[in-house]
Amino acid sequence: MFDTIKIHLSEEIDIEKLLTDLVEFGYRFSKRVSEEGDFAALGDTVTIYPLTFAYPLRIELDCNKVDRIRSLDPITYDPVEDHNAAIIL
């Protein structure tokens, strides 16, 4: 069995733990997410480009509660699709 990071809409998460987990999974911190394996954090927003997704994901938090999960166009950062959950490998 392999480890995953599961994020659900309305779930409370510890953003610092999420960032630590991403590094432990081999993701790279970047100021701008542009390729698979990158992630960025700014305030209560984390953007991740999972290895198994066609688009990066933006996770928006409100007081440590997941307020929105959506796919973004990797070039324009325009929203592509909203999600109820994400599983990151």
Protein backbone atom coordinates (compact mmCIF):
# COMPACT_ATOMS: atom_id res chain seq x y z
CA MET A 1 0.00 0.00 0.00
CA PHE A 2 1.21 3.52 -0.67
CA ASP A 3 0.71 6.77 1.19
CA THR A 4 -1.61 9.46 -0.09
CA ILE A 5 -2.71 12.90 0.95
CA LYS A 6 -6.51 13.14 0.97
CA ILE A 7 -8.15 16.54 1.00
CA HIS A 8 -11.90 17.00 1.21
CA LEU A 9 -14.05 20.10 0.90
CA SER A 10 -15.01 21.53 4.34
CA GLU A 11 -12.31 19.44 6.08
CA GLU A 12 -10.06 21.13 8.63
CA ILE A 13 -6.38 20.71 7.79
CA ASP A 14 -3.07 21.86 9.23
CA ILE A 15 -1.43 23.79 6.39
CA GLU A 16 2.07 23.32 7.83
CA LYS A 17 1.56 19.54 7.99
CA LEU A 18 0.27 19.55 4.42
CA LEU A 19 3.39 21.39 3.21
CA THR A 20 5.66 19.04 5.18
CA ASP A 21 3.84 16.00 3.75
CA LEU A 22 4.24 17.33 0.21
CA VAL A 23 8.02 17.66 0.69
CA GLU A 24 8.16 14.13 2.17
CA PHE A 25 6.27 12.86 -0.91
CA GLY A 26 8.97 14.40 -3.14
CA TYR A 27 7.17 17.56 -4.24
CA ARG A 28 9.25 20.71 -4.81
CA PHE A 29 8.47 24.16 -3.44
CA SER A 30 8.24 26.72 -6.24
CA LYS A 31 7.14 30.36 -6.43
CA ARG A 32 5.03 29.48 -9.47
CA VAL A 33 3.59 26.03 -10.08
CA SER A 34 4.31 25.15 -13.69
CA GLU A 35 5.14 21.45 -13.86
CA GLU A 36 4.20 18.17 -12.21
CA GLY A 37 5.69 17.84 -8.74
CA ASP A 38 5.67 21.59 -7.96
CA PHE A 39 3.78 23.21 -5.11
CA ALA A 40 3.44 26.76 -3.80
CA ALA A 41 1.89 28.34 -0.73
CA LEU A 42 0.73 31.89 -0.24
CA GLY A 43 -1.29 32.71 2.85
CA ASP A 44 -4.27 30.37 3.06
CA THR A 45 -3.84 29.09 -0.50
CA VAL A 46 -1.81 26.06 -1.58
CA THR A 47 -1.30 25.20 -5.24
CA ILE A 48 -0.09 21.69 -6.09
CA TYR A 49 0.65 20.06 -9.44
CA PRO A 50 0.05 16.38 -8.63
CA LEU A 51 1.84 13.77 -10.69
CA THR A 52 -1.44 12.10 -11.61
CA PHE A 53 -3.49 15.18 -12.59
CA ALA A 54 -3.76 16.93 -15.94
CA TYR A 55 -3.93 20.33 -14.21
CA PRO A 56 -2.59 21.89 -11.00
CA LEU A 57 -4.92 22.09 -8.01
CA ARG A 58 -5.55 25.17 -5.93
CA ILE A 59 -6.69 24.53 -2.37
CA GLU A 60 -8.17 27.57 -0.68
CA LEU A 61 -8.55 27.56 3.09
CA ASP A 62 -10.68 29.67 5.41
CA CYS A 63 -9.48 29.39 9.02
CA ASN A 64 -7.80 26.02 8.25
CA LYS A 65 -11.00 24.67 6.69
CA VAL A 66 -10.91 23.68 3.01
CA ASP A 67 -13.15 26.23 1.32
CA ARG A 68 -12.48 25.37 -2.32
CA ILE A 69 -10.55 22.85 -4.41
CA ARG A 70 -10.22 23.56 -8.09
CA SER A 71 -8.13 22.72 -11.12
CA LEU A 72 -6.24 25.55 -12.81
CA ASP A 73 -4.88 26.07 -16.28
CA PRO A 74 -1.09 25.80 -15.73
CA ILE A 75 -0.32 28.78 -17.98
CA THR A 76 -3.08 31.29 -17.27
CA TYR A 77 -4.07 30.04 -13.79
CA ASP A 78 -7.71 30.40 -14.86
CA PRO A 79 -10.07 27.98 -13.06
CA VAL A 80 -10.90 24.83 -15.03
CA GLU A 81 -13.08 22.76 -12.67
CA ASP A 82 -14.19 22.64 -9.01
CA HIS A 83 -13.69 19.45 -6.98
CA ASN A 84 -15.14 18.03 -3.77
CA ALA A 85 -11.95 16.11 -2.93
CA ALA A 86 -8.43 15.40 -4.12
CA ILE A 87 -6.11 12.45 -3.54
CA ILE A 88 -2.45 13.27 -4.01
CA LEU A 89 0.12 10.54 -4.51
